[in-house]
Amino acid sequence: MKKILTSLICLAVLTALGVSQSVAEMTQDGIDKENKIISIAGYDACTGKYGDYGLDDKRGQEIAVEEINAAGGIQAGPLKGYKLKLEFFDDRGDPKESANVAKKISSSKYLVALGPTMSSCALASTPIFNRYGVANIITYSNASTITEQGFNNIIRLTYTTKGIADFMITTSKSEFNAKSVAIISENQDYGQQLRKYAKDKAAEIGLTVATDDVVTPGQDVDFSSVLLRAKNAAPDILLLFVTYNEGGMIAKQVRQMGWDVVVYGPDALTAPKFFELAGDLKNVYISSLMSLDVKKTEAAHLASEFTKKYNVLPPLAAIYGYDAVKVAANVIENGGVDRASFIEKLKDVKIAGVGSPMYQFDKNGEGLVPPLVVKPAQWHKDQTNQ
């Protein structure tokens, strides 16, 4: 009797193991073969001081997933007809939390990770994704050091901090005829890399840096002392290497003190919150890609759905979130059917997008992006509110 009971227990255990194994096989690397579902993970700061960026990134990704699934799912390759399932994680714009999120994504069944916006979060999460062999499509983090790590599992959709800083310094001299600039930067990876590359470029082309001050995001709200110091130095341009909260407050306080200097910032200031905080946009300029053309086929669906759901045209964080899903789908169609093959096919992408006319990547994972432009902040605001 004991032998029979032991045999039955062993059979039950083996059966259970077999079921578990078959389930694991069905969902290996996020591919559920039984239900024809591909699980992908998004992550960004949906709450906290950078929450507007992350929410828009999430919304863009969701719209792209809905669009792909409504059209019948993946259009080609071994996983043709499979639908996408997106789960989005909030890293709160905190590098420690971003590292925790990366561990959670890596140890779960997701094919690829999409995000984030904050460079400090990307620098915390990318080594973990690399260690676990998970591809990371960087949506909107600019820090040059992200791809300089040499990881083979990363591509970036947007510009580097070096590219942005070089452009802003060059155009300060060529477009605005500036001989000197004042710099205010945030003490995060994003701001400090922009600051470093800007000072290097300024020295190279003979542009004087009159003042150079650093502020703390989420802590500093009164910028009168650094602004007074900058004003007394009489620069031709005030460069802001900050994100939308600090950028909006600084721009407003510049005008409140009666200083009519040209204020010039990076594309991080295209978020609607910046325009709300800044108020008067006279002589405020932003460098960015002229990304959203609603007449383009690639942009029409995103523009229509985002406007329908949120009553504004999609800002850049949403554009890059949307494009990240489209890039991921292209990799899957080209044979990225598990984590290893996805990474192998990652840099073979060639697909038209909203944030770039054609997404292609070099050996380091940097996008071959078109030139930046400089436009009045009011122009960007009008584009958002069409």
Protein backbone atom coordinates (compact mmCIF):
# COMPACT_ATOMS: atom_id res chain seq x y z
CA MET A 1 0.00 0.00 0.00
CA LYS A 2 2.85 2.32 0.90
CA LYS A 3 4.49 1.60 -2.46
CA ILE A 4 1.26 2.39 -4.31
CA LEU A 5 0.82 5.62 -2.30
CA THR A 6 4.42 6.63 -2.92
CA SER A 7 4.01 5.96 -6.63
CA LEU A 8 0.85 8.05 -6.77
CA ILE A 9 2.56 10.93 -4.96
CA CYS A 10 5.53 10.78 -7.32
CA LEU A 11 3.17 10.72 -10.32
CA ALA A 12 1.29 13.72 -8.95
CA VAL A 13 4.53 15.62 -8.36
CA LEU A 14 5.83 14.81 -11.84
CA THR A 15 2.51 15.81 -13.37
CA ALA A 16 2.56 19.11 -11.49
CA LEU A 17 6.14 19.70 -12.54
CA GLY A 18 5.18 18.92 -16.11
CA VAL A 19 2.30 21.39 -16.00
CA SER A 20 4.54 24.05 -14.45
CA GLN A 21 7.21 23.40 -17.03
CA SER A 22 4.73 23.62 -19.91
CA VAL A 23 3.33 26.90 -18.53
CA ALA A 24 6.88 28.25 -18.18
CA GLU A 25 7.63 27.22 -21.74
CA MET A 26 4.46 28.90 -23.00
CA THR A 27 5.41 32.20 -21.33
CA GLN A 28 9.17 32.03 -21.83
CA ASP A 29 10.68 35.52 -22.21
CA GLY A 30 7.19 37.03 -22.24
CA ILE A 31 5.89 34.91 -25.14
CA ASP A 32 2.62 33.15 -24.29
CA LYS A 33 2.29 30.70 -27.19
CA GLU A 34 -1.06 29.29 -26.08
CA ASN A 35 -2.81 32.67 -25.98
CA LYS A 36 -0.57 34.35 -28.59
CA ILE A 37 0.37 37.20 -26.26
CA ILE A 38 3.69 39.06 -26.04
CA SER A 39 4.25 40.79 -22.70
CA ILE A 40 6.31 43.98 -22.72
CA ALA A 41 7.16 46.33 -19.84
CA GLY A 42 7.19 50.12 -19.75
CA TYR A 43 8.73 52.12 -16.91
CA ASP A 44 9.02 55.81 -16.10
CA ALA A 45 8.22 58.44 -13.48
CA CYS A 46 4.41 58.52 -13.33
CA THR A 47 4.36 60.20 -9.91
CA GLY A 48 6.70 62.62 -8.18
CA LYS A 49 8.23 65.81 -9.51
CA TYR A 50 8.78 64.36 -13.00
CA GLY A 51 5.38 62.67 -13.21
CA ASP A 52 4.20 64.56 -16.29
CA TYR A 53 7.00 63.02 -18.36
CA GLY A 54 6.24 59.47 -17.26
CA LEU A 55 2.49 59.74 -17.64
CA ASP A 56 2.89 60.97 -21.21
CA ASP A 57 5.43 58.21 -21.96
CA LYS A 58 2.91 55.68 -20.62
CA ARG A 59 0.03 57.17 -22.61
CA GLY A 60 2.03 57.08 -25.83
CA GLN A 61 2.95 53.44 -25.28
CA GLU A 62 -0.65 52.51 -24.52
CA ILE A 63 -1.93 54.16 -27.70
CA ALA A 64 0.64 52.30 -29.81
CA VAL A 65 -0.25 48.94 -28.22
CA GLU A 66 -3.96 49.56 -28.81
CA GLU A 67 -3.28 50.49 -32.43
CA ILE A 68 -1.13 47.44 -33.15
CA ASN A 69 -3.58 45.04 -31.52
CA ALA A 70 -6.58 46.57 -33.32
CA ALA A 71 -4.78 46.00 -36.63
CA GLY A 72 -4.36 42.29 -35.91
CA GLY A 73 -1.20 42.30 -33.81
CA ILE A 74 2.33 41.65 -35.04
CA GLN A 75 2.27 41.84 -38.83
CA ALA A 76 5.10 39.50 -39.86
CA GLY A 77 7.62 36.92 -38.72
CA PRO A 78 7.29 33.80 -36.54
CA LEU A 79 4.99 35.64 -34.10
CA LYS A 80 2.64 37.06 -36.74
CA GLY A 81 -0.82 37.63 -35.28
CA TYR A 82 0.39 37.78 -31.66
CA LYS A 83 -1.03 40.66 -29.60
CA LEU A 84 0.96 42.91 -27.29
CA LYS A 85 0.29 43.20 -23.57
CA LEU A 86 1.82 46.21 -21.81
CA GLU A 87 2.43 46.49 -18.07
CA PHE A 88 3.76 49.86 -16.92
CA PHE A 89 5.89 50.42 -13.81
CA ASP A 90 6.25 53.72 -11.93
CA ASP A 91 9.85 54.41 -10.87
CA ARG A 92 8.85 57.82 -9.42
CA GLY A 93 11.89 59.43 -11.05
CA ASP A 94 14.02 57.88 -8.29
CA PRO A 95 17.16 55.97 -9.41
CA LYS A 96 16.89 53.52 -6.49
CA GLU A 97 13.30 52.71 -7.39
CA SER A 98 14.25 52.46 -11.04
CA ALA A 99 16.84 49.82 -10.15
CA ASN A 100 14.18 47.92 -8.20
CA VAL A 101 11.81 48.14 -11.16
CA ALA A 102 14.53 46.84 -13.49
CA LYS A 103 15.07 43.83 -11.22
CA LYS A 104 11.33 43.16 -11.13
CA ILE A 105 11.00 43.38 -14.91
CA SER A 106 14.09 41.23 -15.49
CA SER A 107 12.96 38.47 -13.15
CA SER A 108 9.46 38.40 -14.65
CA LYS A 109 8.21 37.36 -18.09
CA TYR A 110 8.66 40.43 -20.27
CA LEU A 111 10.32 40.45 -23.66
CA VAL A 112 11.61 44.04 -23.58
CA ALA A 113 11.63 47.14 -21.36
CA LEU A 114 10.62 50.56 -22.73
CA GLY A 115 11.68 53.77 -20.95
CA PRO A 116 12.55 55.93 -19.08
CA THR A 117 12.68 59.72 -19.29
CA MET A 118 15.10 60.60 -16.48
CA SER A 119 18.76 59.95 -17.28
CA SER A 120 19.65 59.18 -13.66
CA CYS A 121 16.99 56.43 -13.69
CA ALA A 122 18.26 55.02 -16.97
CA LEU A 123 21.81 54.92 -15.59
CA ALA A 124 20.53 52.99 -12.55
CA SER A 125 18.42 50.49 -14.52
CA THR A 126 20.45 49.77 -17.65
CA PRO A 127 23.25 47.78 -15.94
CA ILE A 128 20.60 45.51 -14.43
CA PHE A 129 18.86 44.92 -17.75
CA ASN A 130 22.24 44.17 -19.28
CA ARG A 131 23.11 41.69 -16.54
CA TYR A 132 19.85 39.81 -17.06
CA GLY A 133 19.91 40.00 -20.86
CA VAL A 134 16.81 42.18 -21.30
CA ALA A 135 16.65 44.69 -24.16
CA ASN A 136 15.95 48.30 -23.14
CA ILE A 137 14.58 50.76 -25.68
CA ILE A 138 15.41 54.13 -24.11
CA THR A 139 12.51 56.45 -24.85
CA TYR A 140 13.54 59.94 -23.74
CA SER A 141 16.72 59.90 -21.61
CA ASN A 142 19.47 62.06 -23.08
CA ALA A 143 22.60 61.36 -20.99
CA SER A 144 25.47 60.45 -23.31
CA THR A 145 26.87 58.10 -20.66
CA ILE A 146 23.91 55.72 -21.05
CA THR A 147 25.20 54.29 -24.33
CA GLU A 148 28.85 54.94 -23.44
CA GLN A 149 28.53 52.02 -21.01
CA GLY A 150 28.99 49.78 -24.05
CA PHE A 151 25.95 47.56 -23.46
CA ASN A 152 24.67 45.63 -26.47
CA ASN A 153 21.06 45.52 -25.26
CA ILE A 154 20.29 49.27 -25.53
CA ILE A 155 19.03 51.62 -28.21
CA ARG A 156 18.05 55.25 -27.68
CA LEU A 157 15.33 57.05 -29.64
CA THR A 158 16.27 60.63 -28.83
CA TYR A 159 19.27 62.97 -28.70
CA THR A 160 22.28 62.81 -26.40
CA THR A 161 23.13 65.52 -23.90
CA LYS A 162 26.27 66.26 -25.94
CA GLY A 163 24.25 66.73 -29.13
CA ILE A 164 21.80 69.06 -27.38
CA ALA A 165 24.48 71.12 -25.61
CA ASP A 166 26.62 71.49 -28.73
CA PHE A 167 23.58 72.66 -30.70
CA MET A 168 22.49 75.17 -28.06
CA ILE A 169 25.95 76.71 -27.73
CA THR A 170 26.47 76.84 -31.49
CA THR A 171 23.09 78.46 -32.13
CA SER A 172 23.58 80.88 -29.23
CA LYS A 173 26.44 82.32 -31.26
CA SER A 174 25.14 81.82 -34.81
CA GLU A 175 21.40 82.47 -34.39
CA PHE A 176 21.37 84.96 -31.50
CA ASN A 177 24.81 86.58 -32.09
CA ALA A 178 25.67 86.02 -28.44
CA LYS A 179 29.15 86.73 -27.11
CA SER A 180 28.43 85.55 -23.57
CA VAL A 181 25.97 83.24 -21.82
CA ALA A 182 24.89 82.54 -18.25
CA ILE A 183 24.17 78.94 -17.28
CA ILE A 184 21.73 77.59 -14.69
CA SER A 185 21.72 73.79 -14.46
CA GLU A 186 20.12 71.19 -12.20
CA ASN A 187 22.34 68.93 -10.10
CA GLN A 188 21.11 65.72 -11.77
CA ASP A 189 22.87 63.68 -14.48
CA TYR A 190 20.82 65.38 -17.19
CA GLY A 191 21.60 68.95 -16.18
CA GLN A 192 25.22 68.34 -15.28
CA GLN A 193 26.02 66.60 -18.55
CA LEU A 194 24.42 69.43 -20.52
CA ARG A 195 26.45 71.89 -18.43
CA LYS A 196 29.74 70.06 -19.01
CA TYR A 197 29.34 69.69 -22.76
CA ALA A 198 28.08 73.27 -23.11
CA LYS A 199 31.12 74.68 -21.33
CA ASP A 200 33.43 72.53 -23.45
CA LYS A 201 31.76 73.73 -26.66
CA ALA A 202 31.73 77.35 -25.51
CA ALA A 203 35.49 77.22 -24.90
CA GLU A 204 35.98 75.64 -28.32
CA ILE A 205 34.11 78.35 -30.26
CA GLY A 206 35.09 81.33 -28.09
CA LEU A 207 31.80 81.98 -26.29
CA THR A 208 32.19 83.39 -22.77
CA VAL A 209 30.38 81.73 -19.85
CA ALA A 210 29.60 84.74 -17.66
CA THR A 211 28.07 82.82 -14.72
CA ASP A 212 27.53 79.15 -13.95
CA ASP A 213 25.07 78.19 -11.19
CA VAL A 214 23.56 74.89 -10.08
CA VAL A 215 20.11 74.39 -8.51
CA THR A 216 18.44 71.44 -6.79
CA PRO A 217 15.19 70.12 -8.35
CA GLY A 218 12.30 69.75 -5.95
CA GLN A 219 14.08 71.83 -3.32
CA ASP A 220 14.96 75.24 -4.76
CA VAL A 221 11.96 77.41 -5.57
CA ASP A 222 13.37 80.92 -5.09
CA PHE A 223 16.01 81.57 -7.74
CA SER A 224 16.46 85.30 -7.09
CA SER A 225 20.07 85.04 -5.91
CA VAL A 226 21.38 83.09 -8.91
CA LEU A 227 19.30 85.22 -11.29
CA LEU A 228 20.61 88.46 -9.79
CA ARG A 229 24.17 87.19 -10.12
CA ALA A 230 23.53 86.27 -13.75
CA LYS A 231 21.80 89.58 -14.51
CA ASN A 232 24.70 91.58 -13.05
CA ALA A 233 27.07 89.74 -15.41
CA ALA A 234 24.97 91.04 -18.36
CA PRO A 235 25.05 87.91 -20.57
CA ASP A 236 23.40 87.91 -23.98
CA ILE A 237 21.56 84.63 -23.26
CA LEU A 238 20.45 82.72 -20.16
CA LEU A 239 20.80 78.97 -20.78
CA LEU A 240 18.58 76.69 -18.68
CA PHE A 241 19.78 73.09 -18.37
CA VAL A 242 16.82 71.98 -16.26
CA THR A 243 13.48 70.19 -16.65
CA TYR A 244 9.99 71.67 -16.82
CA ASN A 245 9.30 72.50 -13.14
CA GLU A 246 12.47 74.47 -12.46
CA GLY A 247 12.51 75.80 -16.01
CA GLY A 248 9.02 77.24 -15.68
CA MET A 249 9.70 78.83 -12.30
CA ILE A 250 13.01 80.33 -13.43
CA ALA A 251 11.51 81.77 -16.64
CA LYS A 252 8.71 83.37 -14.63
CA GLN A 253 11.06 84.85 -12.02
CA VAL A 254 13.31 86.25 -14.78
CA ARG A 255 10.41 88.35 -16.06
CA GLN A 256 9.22 89.26 -12.56
CA MET A 257 12.60 90.88 -11.87
CA GLY A 258 12.25 92.92 -15.08
CA TRP A 259 15.07 91.18 -16.95
CA ASP A 260 14.36 90.96 -20.68
CA VAL A 261 17.20 88.55 -21.51
CA VAL A 262 16.79 85.72 -24.06
CA VAL A 263 16.01 82.51 -22.15
CA TYR A 264 17.03 79.37 -24.04
CA GLY A 265 16.36 75.78 -22.94
CA PRO A 266 16.41 72.17 -24.19
CA ASP A 267 13.48 70.07 -25.37
CA ALA A 268 12.73 69.08 -21.77
CA LEU A 269 10.87 72.41 -21.61
CA THR A 270 8.32 71.38 -24.25
CA ALA A 271 6.19 69.71 -21.55
CA PRO A 272 2.84 71.55 -21.08
CA LYS A 273 3.67 72.13 -17.39
CA PHE A 274 6.54 74.42 -18.39
CA PHE A 275 4.24 76.76 -20.31
CA GLU A 276 1.79 76.81 -17.40
CA LEU A 277 4.50 77.74 -14.88
CA ALA A 278 6.43 80.17 -17.08
CA GLY A 279 3.53 82.41 -18.07
CA ASP A 280 5.10 85.12 -20.24
CA LEU A 281 7.01 83.41 -23.07
CA LYS A 282 8.46 86.53 -24.69
CA ASN A 283 12.09 85.91 -25.74
CA VAL A 284 11.96 82.30 -24.52
CA TYR A 285 13.33 79.74 -26.97
CA ILE A 286 13.56 75.95 -26.99
CA SER A 287 15.76 73.60 -28.98
CA SER A 288 14.02 70.46 -30.21
CA LEU A 289 13.20 68.26 -33.15
CA MET A 290 10.17 69.38 -35.16
CA SER A 291 8.74 66.00 -34.31
CA LEU A 292 5.01 66.15 -34.69
CA ASP A 293 3.56 66.74 -38.12
CA VAL A 294 -0.08 65.66 -38.03
CA LYS A 295 -0.04 65.41 -41.82
CA LYS A 296 2.44 62.53 -41.64
CA THR A 297 0.90 59.07 -41.83
CA GLU A 298 3.01 57.93 -38.88
CA ALA A 299 1.71 60.76 -36.68
CA ALA A 300 -1.97 60.83 -37.61
CA HIS A 301 -3.17 58.04 -35.30
CA LEU A 302 -1.16 59.19 -32.29
CA ALA A 303 -2.27 62.80 -32.71
CA SER A 304 -5.91 61.83 -33.12
CA GLU A 305 -6.06 59.39 -30.19
CA PHE A 306 -4.02 61.53 -27.79
CA THR A 307 -6.15 64.59 -28.53
CA LYS A 308 -9.33 62.57 -28.12
CA LYS A 309 -8.22 61.18 -24.74
CA TYR A 310 -6.29 64.11 -23.25
CA ASN A 311 -7.46 67.21 -25.19
CA VAL A 312 -3.94 68.21 -26.33
CA LEU A 313 -1.51 67.09 -28.98
CA PRO A 314 1.07 64.61 -27.69
CA PRO A 315 4.23 66.12 -26.15
CA LEU A 316 7.65 64.63 -26.85
CA ALA A 317 7.54 62.09 -23.99
CA ALA A 318 4.35 60.62 -25.50
CA ILE A 319 5.82 60.66 -28.99
CA TYR A 320 8.88 58.68 -27.94
CA GLY A 321 6.77 56.28 -25.85
CA TYR A 322 4.56 55.63 -28.87
CA ASP A 323 7.54 55.17 -31.17
CA ALA A 324 9.25 52.81 -28.71
CA VAL A 325 6.39 50.33 -29.04
CA LYS A 326 6.48 50.61 -32.83
CA VAL A 327 10.25 49.98 -32.81
CA ALA A 328 9.77 46.98 -30.51
CA ALA A 329 7.11 45.55 -32.85
CA ASN A 330 9.50 45.97 -35.78
CA VAL A 331 12.21 44.02 -33.93
CA ILE A 332 9.71 41.22 -33.22
CA GLU A 333 8.65 41.11 -36.86
CA ASN A 334 12.31 40.80 -37.85
CA GLY A 335 12.81 37.73 -35.67
CA GLY A 336 13.21 39.02 -32.10
CA VAL A 337 11.13 36.20 -30.63
CA ASP A 338 12.88 35.81 -27.27
CA ARG A 339 15.19 37.97 -25.17
CA ALA A 340 18.40 36.80 -26.84
CA SER A 341 17.18 37.12 -30.43
CA PHE A 342 15.49 40.46 -29.62
CA ILE A 343 18.85 41.88 -28.55
CA GLU A 344 20.51 40.34 -31.60
CA LYS A 345 18.01 42.07 -33.93
CA LEU A 346 17.79 45.30 -31.93
CA LYS A 347 20.13 47.44 -34.02
CA ASP A 348 18.76 46.19 -37.36
CA VAL A 349 15.67 48.40 -36.98
CA LYS A 350 14.69 50.63 -39.87
CA ILE A 351 11.25 52.10 -39.42
CA ALA A 352 9.59 55.49 -39.93
CA GLY A 353 8.40 57.17 -36.75
CA VAL A 354 6.87 60.31 -35.32
CA GLY A 355 9.91 61.46 -33.32
CA SER A 356 12.23 60.73 -36.23
CA PRO A 357 11.50 60.38 -39.95
CA MET A 358 13.45 57.11 -39.90
CA TYR A 359 14.66 55.20 -36.85
CA GLN A 360 18.04 53.60 -37.48
CA PHE A 361 20.81 52.93 -34.97
CA ASP A 362 24.58 52.79 -34.91
CA LYS A 363 26.67 50.07 -33.25
CA ASN A 364 26.40 51.86 -29.88
CA GLY A 365 22.61 52.04 -30.06
CA GLU A 366 22.44 55.76 -30.80
CA GLY A 367 19.70 56.84 -33.15
CA LEU A 368 20.69 58.46 -36.43
CA VAL A 369 18.46 61.44 -35.66
CA PRO A 370 17.83 64.49 -37.89
CA PRO A 371 19.11 67.98 -36.98
CA LEU A 372 17.67 69.94 -34.09
CA VAL A 373 15.95 73.30 -34.57
CA VAL A 374 15.44 76.32 -32.32
CA LYS A 375 11.94 77.76 -32.07
CA PRO A 376 10.17 80.28 -29.81
CA ALA A 377 8.55 78.66 -26.78
CA GLN A 378 5.27 80.21 -27.86
CA TRP A 379 5.45 78.18 -31.09
CA HIS A 380 5.83 74.98 -29.09
CA LYS A 381 2.94 75.96 -26.83
CA ASP A 382 0.72 76.65 -29.83
CA GLN A 383 1.61 73.26 -31.32
CA THR A 384 0.62 71.53 -28.08
CA ASN A 385 -2.70 73.38 -27.87
CA GLN A 386 -3.84 73.01 -31.49
